[in-house]
Amino acid sequence: MWAIGYLTAPVLFSSLGDRQLAGMVAGKLFALIGWVGLSCAAYLLVFLLSRWGARFFKSGVFWLVVAMALMTAASQFGIQPLMAQLKADAFPREVMESVMRDRFATWHGASSILYLMQSLLGVWLVVWSGRGLK
């Protein structure tokens, strides 16, 4: 998640020269990492439930993983399709050169904030796991 959001995407935009192409590639990478995130969340919830039993539902780790999964789902099934629709509505122009620019920028900002929150919660989860997942 960190590699795509904070390394790959900025390199794409600075290196490709075509912002539309860079955005398309970055969008595909974000979609892929979203599916990875949902898969990992599902696995982690099932694994920890089988390991800890019902007490897992009372743990902070459960709520942290659920919060991250919900943020990922909101992005995958809410924000990203909305941004794709705005791009389609702007066609044949690039969305940032159309009347959809402000709406797209607003949703892109919301998506970025959500991604940052997920990233920070992920760090918290990793640090927490090093302490025994209490």
N, C-alpha and C. Protein backbone atom coordinates (compact mmCIF):
# COMPACT_ATOMS: atom_id res chain seq x y z
N MET A 1 0.83 -1.18 0.00
CA MET A 1 0.00 0.00 0.00
C MET A 1 0.88 1.26 0.00
N TRP A 2 1.88 1.25 0.85
CA TRP A 2 2.79 2.39 0.90
C TRP A 2 3.58 2.52 -0.39
N ALA A 3 4.03 1.40 -0.94
CA ALA A 3 4.84 1.45 -2.16
C ALA A 3 4.05 2.02 -3.34
N ILE A 4 2.80 1.65 -3.47
CA ILE A 4 2.00 2.14 -4.59
C ILE A 4 1.59 3.60 -4.38
N GLY A 5 1.08 3.90 -3.21
CA GLY A 5 0.55 5.24 -2.97
C GLY A 5 1.59 6.33 -2.83
N TYR A 6 2.72 5.99 -2.25
CA TYR A 6 3.69 7.05 -1.93
C TYR A 6 4.98 6.96 -2.71
N LEU A 7 5.16 5.88 -3.50
CA LEU A 7 6.34 5.77 -4.35
C LEU A 7 5.95 5.67 -5.83
N THR A 8 5.17 4.66 -6.17
CA THR A 8 4.86 4.38 -7.57
C THR A 8 4.03 5.48 -8.22
N ALA A 9 2.94 5.88 -7.59
CA ALA A 9 2.06 6.89 -8.20
C ALA A 9 2.80 8.21 -8.45
N PRO A 10 3.54 8.75 -7.47
CA PRO A 10 4.27 9.98 -7.76
C PRO A 10 5.30 9.82 -8.88
N VAL A 11 5.96 8.67 -8.94
CA VAL A 11 6.94 8.44 -10.01
C VAL A 11 6.24 8.39 -11.36
N LEU A 12 5.07 7.75 -11.43
CA LEU A 12 4.32 7.71 -12.69
C LEU A 12 4.02 9.12 -13.19
N PHE A 13 3.53 9.98 -12.30
CA PHE A 13 3.16 11.33 -12.71
C PHE A 13 4.36 12.18 -13.08
N SER A 14 5.48 11.95 -12.42
CA SER A 14 6.66 12.76 -12.73
C SER A 14 7.43 12.22 -13.94
N SER A 15 7.26 10.96 -14.28
CA SER A 15 8.07 10.35 -15.34
C SER A 15 7.38 10.20 -16.68
N LEU A 16 6.08 9.94 -16.69
CA LEU A 16 5.42 9.59 -17.94
C LEU A 16 5.19 10.78 -18.87
N GLY A 17 4.98 11.95 -18.32
CA GLY A 17 4.73 13.09 -19.18
C GLY A 17 3.28 13.23 -19.62
N ASP A 18 2.55 12.15 -19.64
CA ASP A 18 1.12 12.16 -19.98
C ASP A 18 0.34 11.91 -18.69
N ARG A 19 -0.22 12.97 -18.13
CA ARG A 19 -0.92 12.85 -16.84
C ARG A 19 -2.13 11.94 -16.93
N GLN A 20 -2.78 11.91 -18.07
CA GLN A 20 -3.95 11.05 -18.22
C GLN A 20 -3.53 9.58 -18.17
N LEU A 21 -2.45 9.23 -18.85
CA LEU A 21 -1.94 7.87 -18.82
C LEU A 21 -1.45 7.51 -17.42
N ALA A 22 -0.73 8.42 -16.79
CA ALA A 22 -0.25 8.18 -15.43
C ALA A 22 -1.41 7.95 -14.48
N GLY A 23 -2.48 8.74 -14.61
CA GLY A 23 -3.66 8.58 -13.77
C GLY A 23 -4.36 7.26 -14.00
N MET A 24 -4.40 6.83 -15.27
CA MET A 24 -5.03 5.56 -15.59
C MET A 24 -4.25 4.40 -14.97
N VAL A 25 -2.94 4.42 -15.12
CA VAL A 25 -2.10 3.35 -14.56
C VAL A 25 -2.18 3.37 -13.03
N ALA A 26 -2.06 4.55 -12.44
CA ALA A 26 -2.14 4.66 -10.97
C ALA A 26 -3.50 4.16 -10.48
N GLY A 27 -4.56 4.51 -11.19
CA GLY A 27 -5.90 4.05 -10.80
C GLY A 27 -6.02 2.54 -10.81
N LYS A 28 -5.44 1.92 -11.82
CA LYS A 28 -5.46 0.45 -11.88
C LYS A 28 -4.66 -0.16 -10.73
N LEU A 29 -3.53 0.46 -10.40
CA LEU A 29 -2.73 -0.03 -9.28
C LEU A 29 -3.48 0.13 -7.95
N PHE A 30 -4.14 1.26 -7.78
CA PHE A 30 -4.92 1.47 -6.55
C PHE A 30 -6.07 0.48 -6.45
N ALA A 31 -6.70 0.18 -7.58
CA ALA A 31 -7.78 -0.82 -7.57
C ALA A 31 -7.24 -2.19 -7.19
N LEU A 32 -6.09 -2.56 -7.75
CA LEU A 32 -5.48 -3.86 -7.42
C LEU A 32 -5.12 -3.94 -5.94
N ILE A 33 -4.51 -2.89 -5.42
CA ILE A 33 -4.10 -2.93 -4.01
C ILE A 33 -5.33 -2.90 -3.11
N GLY A 34 -6.42 -2.32 -3.59
CA GLY A 34 -7.67 -2.36 -2.83
C GLY A 34 -8.18 -3.79 -2.69
N TRP A 35 -8.14 -4.55 -3.78
CA TRP A 35 -8.55 -5.95 -3.72
C TRP A 35 -7.63 -6.76 -2.83
N VAL A 36 -6.34 -6.47 -2.91
CA VAL A 36 -5.38 -7.14 -2.01
C VAL A 36 -5.74 -6.83 -0.56
N GLY A 37 -6.04 -5.58 -0.28
CA GLY A 37 -6.41 -5.17 1.07
C GLY A 37 -7.66 -5.87 1.58
N LEU A 38 -8.69 -5.95 0.74
CA LEU A 38 -9.91 -6.63 1.15
C LEU A 38 -9.66 -8.12 1.38
N SER A 39 -8.84 -8.71 0.54
CA SER A 39 -8.51 -10.13 0.71
C SER A 39 -7.73 -10.36 2.00
N CYS A 40 -6.76 -9.51 2.25
CA CYS A 40 -5.96 -9.64 3.47
C CYS A 40 -6.82 -9.43 4.72
N ALA A 41 -7.73 -8.47 4.66
CA ALA A 41 -8.61 -8.22 5.80
C ALA A 41 -9.48 -9.44 6.07
N ALA A 42 -10.05 -10.01 5.01
CA ALA A 42 -10.90 -11.20 5.18
C ALA A 42 -10.09 -12.35 5.77
N TYR A 43 -8.90 -12.59 5.24
CA TYR A 43 -8.05 -13.66 5.76
C TYR A 43 -7.71 -13.40 7.23
N LEU A 44 -7.30 -12.18 7.54
CA LEU A 44 -6.88 -11.85 8.91
C LEU A 44 -8.05 -12.01 9.88
N LEU A 45 -9.23 -11.59 9.48
CA LEU A 45 -10.40 -11.74 10.36
C LEU A 45 -10.71 -13.21 10.62
N VAL A 46 -10.69 -14.03 9.57
CA VAL A 46 -10.97 -15.46 9.73
C VAL A 46 -9.87 -16.14 10.56
N PHE A 47 -8.62 -15.82 10.25
CA PHE A 47 -7.49 -16.43 10.97
C PHE A 47 -7.52 -16.09 12.46
N LEU A 48 -7.69 -14.81 12.77
CA LEU A 48 -7.68 -14.41 14.18
C LEU A 48 -8.93 -14.89 14.92
N LEU A 49 -10.07 -14.96 14.24
CA LEU A 49 -11.26 -15.50 14.86
C LEU A 49 -11.05 -16.98 15.21
N SER A 50 -10.44 -17.73 14.31
CA SER A 50 -10.19 -19.14 14.59
C SER A 50 -9.15 -19.32 15.69
N ARG A 51 -8.27 -18.37 15.82
CA ARG A 51 -7.22 -18.46 16.83
C ARG A 51 -7.69 -18.00 18.21
N TRP A 52 -8.46 -16.92 18.24
CA TRP A 52 -8.86 -16.33 19.52
C TRP A 52 -10.29 -16.65 19.92
N GLY A 53 -11.11 -17.10 18.99
CA GLY A 53 -12.51 -17.37 19.30
C GLY A 53 -13.30 -16.08 19.45
N ALA A 54 -14.35 -16.15 20.22
CA ALA A 54 -15.28 -15.02 20.38
C ALA A 54 -14.64 -13.80 21.03
N ARG A 55 -13.60 -13.98 21.80
CA ARG A 55 -12.97 -12.81 22.44
C ARG A 55 -12.32 -11.87 21.42
N PHE A 56 -12.11 -12.38 20.21
CA PHE A 56 -11.53 -11.55 19.15
C PHE A 56 -12.42 -10.34 18.85
N PHE A 57 -13.74 -10.50 18.95
CA PHE A 57 -14.67 -9.41 18.65
C PHE A 57 -14.57 -8.26 19.64
N LYS A 58 -13.99 -8.53 20.79
CA LYS A 58 -13.83 -7.48 21.81
C LYS A 58 -12.45 -6.81 21.75
N SER A 59 -11.61 -7.27 20.84
CA SER A 59 -10.24 -6.74 20.77
C SER A 59 -10.17 -5.51 19.87
N GLY A 60 -9.19 -4.70 20.14
CA GLY A 60 -8.94 -3.52 19.32
C GLY A 60 -8.50 -3.89 17.92
N VAL A 61 -7.82 -5.01 17.77
CA VAL A 61 -7.36 -5.45 16.46
C VAL A 61 -8.54 -5.72 15.54
N PHE A 62 -9.57 -6.35 16.06
CA PHE A 62 -10.76 -6.61 15.27
C PHE A 62 -11.31 -5.31 14.69
N TRP A 63 -11.48 -4.32 15.54
CA TRP A 63 -12.06 -3.06 15.10
C TRP A 63 -11.14 -2.30 14.16
N LEU A 64 -9.86 -2.43 14.36
CA LEU A 64 -8.89 -1.79 13.47
C LEU A 64 -8.96 -2.41 12.07
N VAL A 65 -8.97 -3.72 11.99
CA VAL A 65 -9.05 -4.41 10.70
C VAL A 65 -10.39 -4.11 10.03
N VAL A 66 -11.47 -4.12 10.78
CA VAL A 66 -12.79 -3.81 10.22
C VAL A 66 -12.82 -2.37 9.69
N ALA A 67 -12.27 -1.43 10.44
CA ALA A 67 -12.24 -0.03 9.99
C ALA A 67 -11.46 0.10 8.69
N MET A 68 -10.32 -0.56 8.61
CA MET A 68 -9.51 -0.51 7.38
C MET A 68 -10.26 -1.15 6.21
N ALA A 69 -10.92 -2.26 6.47
CA ALA A 69 -11.67 -2.94 5.40
C ALA A 69 -12.84 -2.06 4.92
N LEU A 70 -13.52 -1.41 5.85
CA LEU A 70 -14.62 -0.54 5.46
C LEU A 70 -14.13 0.66 4.65
N MET A 71 -12.98 1.21 5.02
CA MET A 71 -12.42 2.32 4.24
C MET A 71 -12.04 1.86 2.84
N THR A 72 -11.47 0.67 2.75
CA THR A 72 -11.10 0.12 1.45
C THR A 72 -12.35 -0.11 0.61
N ALA A 73 -13.39 -0.67 1.22
CA ALA A 73 -14.63 -0.91 0.49
C ALA A 73 -15.27 0.40 0.03
N ALA A 74 -15.23 1.42 0.88
CA ALA A 74 -15.79 2.72 0.50
C ALA A 74 -15.04 3.29 -0.70
N SER A 75 -13.75 3.11 -0.71
CA SER A 75 -12.95 3.58 -1.84
C SER A 75 -13.21 2.76 -3.10
N GLN A 76 -13.17 1.44 -2.96
CA GLN A 76 -13.33 0.54 -4.11
C GLN A 76 -14.71 0.64 -4.75
N PHE A 77 -15.74 0.67 -3.92
CA PHE A 77 -17.10 0.57 -4.43
C PHE A 77 -17.88 1.88 -4.42
N GLY A 78 -17.29 2.92 -3.86
CA GLY A 78 -17.94 4.22 -3.80
C GLY A 78 -17.19 5.30 -4.53
N ILE A 79 -16.03 5.65 -4.01
CA ILE A 79 -15.29 6.79 -4.55
C ILE A 79 -14.70 6.50 -5.93
N GLN A 80 -14.05 5.35 -6.09
CA GLN A 80 -13.40 5.06 -7.37
C GLN A 80 -14.41 4.97 -8.53
N PRO A 81 -15.54 4.28 -8.36
CA PRO A 81 -16.52 4.29 -9.46
C PRO A 81 -17.07 5.69 -9.76
N LEU A 82 -17.24 6.50 -8.73
CA LEU A 82 -17.72 7.86 -8.93
C LEU A 82 -16.70 8.67 -9.74
N MET A 83 -15.42 8.52 -9.41
CA MET A 83 -14.38 9.22 -10.16
C MET A 83 -14.31 8.72 -11.60
N ALA A 84 -14.49 7.42 -11.80
CA ALA A 84 -14.50 6.87 -13.16
C ALA A 84 -15.67 7.43 -13.96
N GLN A 85 -16.81 7.59 -13.31
CA GLN A 85 -17.99 8.16 -13.99
C GLN A 85 -17.74 9.62 -14.36
N LEU A 86 -17.10 10.36 -13.48
CA LEU A 86 -16.77 11.76 -13.79
C LEU A 86 -15.84 11.84 -14.99
N LYS A 87 -14.88 10.92 -15.06
CA LYS A 87 -13.97 10.87 -16.23
C LYS A 87 -14.76 10.56 -17.49
N ALA A 88 -15.67 9.60 -17.40
CA ALA A 88 -16.48 9.22 -18.57
C ALA A 88 -17.37 10.38 -19.00
N ASP A 89 -17.94 11.09 -18.04
CA ASP A 89 -18.81 12.23 -18.36
C ASP A 89 -18.04 13.36 -19.02
N ALA A 90 -16.75 13.47 -18.74
CA ALA A 90 -15.92 14.53 -19.30
C ALA A 90 -15.45 14.20 -20.71
N PHE A 91 -15.53 12.93 -21.10
CA PHE A 91 -15.02 12.49 -22.40
C PHE A 91 -15.70 13.27 -23.52
N PRO A 92 -15.02 13.72 -24.52
CA PRO A 92 -13.68 13.37 -24.99
C PRO A 92 -12.56 14.21 -24.38
N ARG A 93 -12.91 15.13 -23.53
CA ARG A 93 -11.88 15.94 -22.88
C ARG A 93 -11.33 15.20 -21.67
N GLU A 94 -10.15 15.61 -21.24
CA GLU A 94 -9.59 15.09 -20.00
C GLU A 94 -10.38 15.71 -18.86
N VAL A 95 -10.61 14.94 -17.80
CA VAL A 95 -11.48 15.40 -16.72
C VAL A 95 -10.99 16.71 -16.10
N MET A 96 -9.68 16.88 -16.01
CA MET A 96 -9.15 18.10 -15.40
C MET A 96 -9.23 19.31 -16.33
N GLU A 97 -9.67 19.10 -17.57
CA GLU A 97 -9.88 20.20 -18.52
C GLU A 97 -11.36 20.40 -18.80
N SER A 98 -12.21 19.81 -17.98
CA SER A 98 -13.65 19.86 -18.22
C SER A 98 -14.36 20.58 -17.07
N VAL A 99 -15.66 20.69 -17.21
CA VAL A 99 -16.47 21.30 -16.15
C VAL A 99 -16.55 20.38 -14.92
N MET A 100 -16.12 19.12 -15.07
CA MET A 100 -16.12 18.15 -13.96
C MET A 100 -14.90 18.30 -13.06
N ARG A 101 -14.01 19.21 -13.40
CA ARG A 101 -12.74 19.36 -12.70
C ARG A 101 -12.91 19.51 -11.19
N ASP A 102 -13.76 20.40 -10.74
CA ASP A 102 -13.92 20.66 -9.31
C ASP A 102 -14.47 19.45 -8.56
N ARG A 103 -15.47 18.80 -9.14
CA ARG A 103 -16.03 17.61 -8.49
C ARG A 103 -14.99 16.49 -8.42
N PHE A 104 -14.25 16.32 -9.53
CA PHE A 104 -13.22 15.29 -9.56
C PHE A 104 -12.14 15.59 -8.52
N ALA A 105 -11.72 16.83 -8.44
CA ALA A 105 -10.69 17.22 -7.47
C ALA A 105 -11.17 17.00 -6.04
N THR A 106 -12.42 17.28 -5.77
CA THR A 106 -12.97 17.06 -4.43
C THR A 106 -12.95 15.58 -4.08
N TRP A 107 -13.42 14.74 -4.99
CA TRP A 107 -13.44 13.30 -4.72
C TRP A 107 -12.04 12.72 -4.68
N HIS A 108 -11.14 13.26 -5.49
CA HIS A 108 -9.75 12.80 -5.46
C HIS A 108 -9.13 13.15 -4.10
N GLY A 109 -9.44 14.32 -3.59
CA GLY A 109 -8.96 14.71 -2.27
C GLY A 109 -9.51 13.81 -1.17
N ALA A 110 -10.80 13.51 -1.25
CA ALA A 110 -11.41 12.61 -0.27
C ALA A 110 -10.75 11.24 -0.34
N SER A 111 -10.50 10.77 -1.55
CA SER A 111 -9.84 9.47 -1.73
C SER A 111 -8.43 9.49 -1.14
N SER A 112 -7.72 10.58 -1.35
CA SER A 112 -6.36 10.70 -0.82
C SER A 112 -6.34 10.70 0.70
N ILE A 113 -7.28 11.40 1.31
CA ILE A 113 -7.37 11.43 2.77
C ILE A 113 -7.70 10.04 3.31
N LEU A 114 -8.63 9.36 2.66
CA LEU A 114 -8.99 8.00 3.07
C LEU A 114 -7.79 7.07 2.95
N TYR A 115 -7.02 7.21 1.88
CA TYR A 115 -5.83 6.38 1.67
C TYR A 115 -4.78 6.65 2.75
N LEU A 116 -4.61 7.92 3.11
CA LEU A 116 -3.67 8.28 4.17
C LEU A 116 -4.11 7.68 5.50
N MET A 117 -5.40 7.76 5.79
CA MET A 117 -5.91 7.18 7.04
C MET A 117 -5.68 5.67 7.07
N GLN A 118 -5.92 4.99 5.95
CA GLN A 118 -5.68 3.55 5.87
C GLN A 118 -4.20 3.25 6.07
N SER A 119 -3.35 4.05 5.47
CA SER A 119 -1.91 3.84 5.60
C SER A 119 -1.45 3.96 7.04
N LEU A 120 -1.96 4.97 7.73
CA LEU A 120 -1.58 5.17 9.13
C LEU A 120 -2.14 4.07 10.02
N LEU A 121 -3.37 3.65 9.76
CA LEU A 121 -3.93 2.54 10.53
C LEU A 121 -3.15 1.25 10.26
N GLY A 122 -2.68 1.07 9.04
CA GLY A 122 -1.85 -0.09 8.71
C GLY A 122 -0.56 -0.10 9.50
N VAL A 123 0.07 1.06 9.63
CA VAL A 123 1.29 1.16 10.45
C VAL A 123 0.96 0.83 11.89
N TRP A 124 -0.17 1.37 12.37
CA TRP A 124 -0.58 1.10 13.74
C TRP A 124 -0.78 -0.41 13.94
N LEU A 125 -1.41 -1.07 12.97
CA LEU A 125 -1.63 -2.51 13.06
C LEU A 125 -0.32 -3.28 13.10
N VAL A 126 0.62 -2.88 12.27
CA VAL A 126 1.93 -3.56 12.25
C VAL A 126 2.65 -3.36 13.57
N VAL A 127 2.64 -2.15 14.09
CA VAL A 127 3.29 -1.88 15.38
C VAL A 127 2.59 -2.66 16.48
N TRP A 128 1.27 -2.67 16.44
CA TRP A 128 0.48 -3.38 17.43
C TRP A 128 0.77 -4.88 17.38
N SER A 129 0.92 -5.43 16.16
CA SER A 129 1.19 -6.86 16.02
C SER A 129 2.54 -7.22 16.61
N GLY A 130 3.48 -6.31 16.56
CA GLY A 130 4.78 -6.54 17.17
C GLY A 130 4.71 -6.58 18.69
N ARG A 131 3.63 -6.09 19.24
CA ARG A 131 3.45 -6.07 20.69
C ARG A 131 2.52 -7.19 21.16
N GLY A 132 2.17 -8.10 20.27
CA GLY A 132 1.37 -9.26 20.68
C GLY A 132 -0.11 -9.13 20.36
N LEU A 133 -0.54 -8.15 19.58
CA LEU A 133 -1.96 -7.98 19.19
C LEU A 133 -2.92 -8.07 20.36
N LYS A 134 -2.84 -7.15 21.22
CA LYS A 134 -3.72 -7.13 22.40
C LYS A 134 -5.00 -6.40 22.12
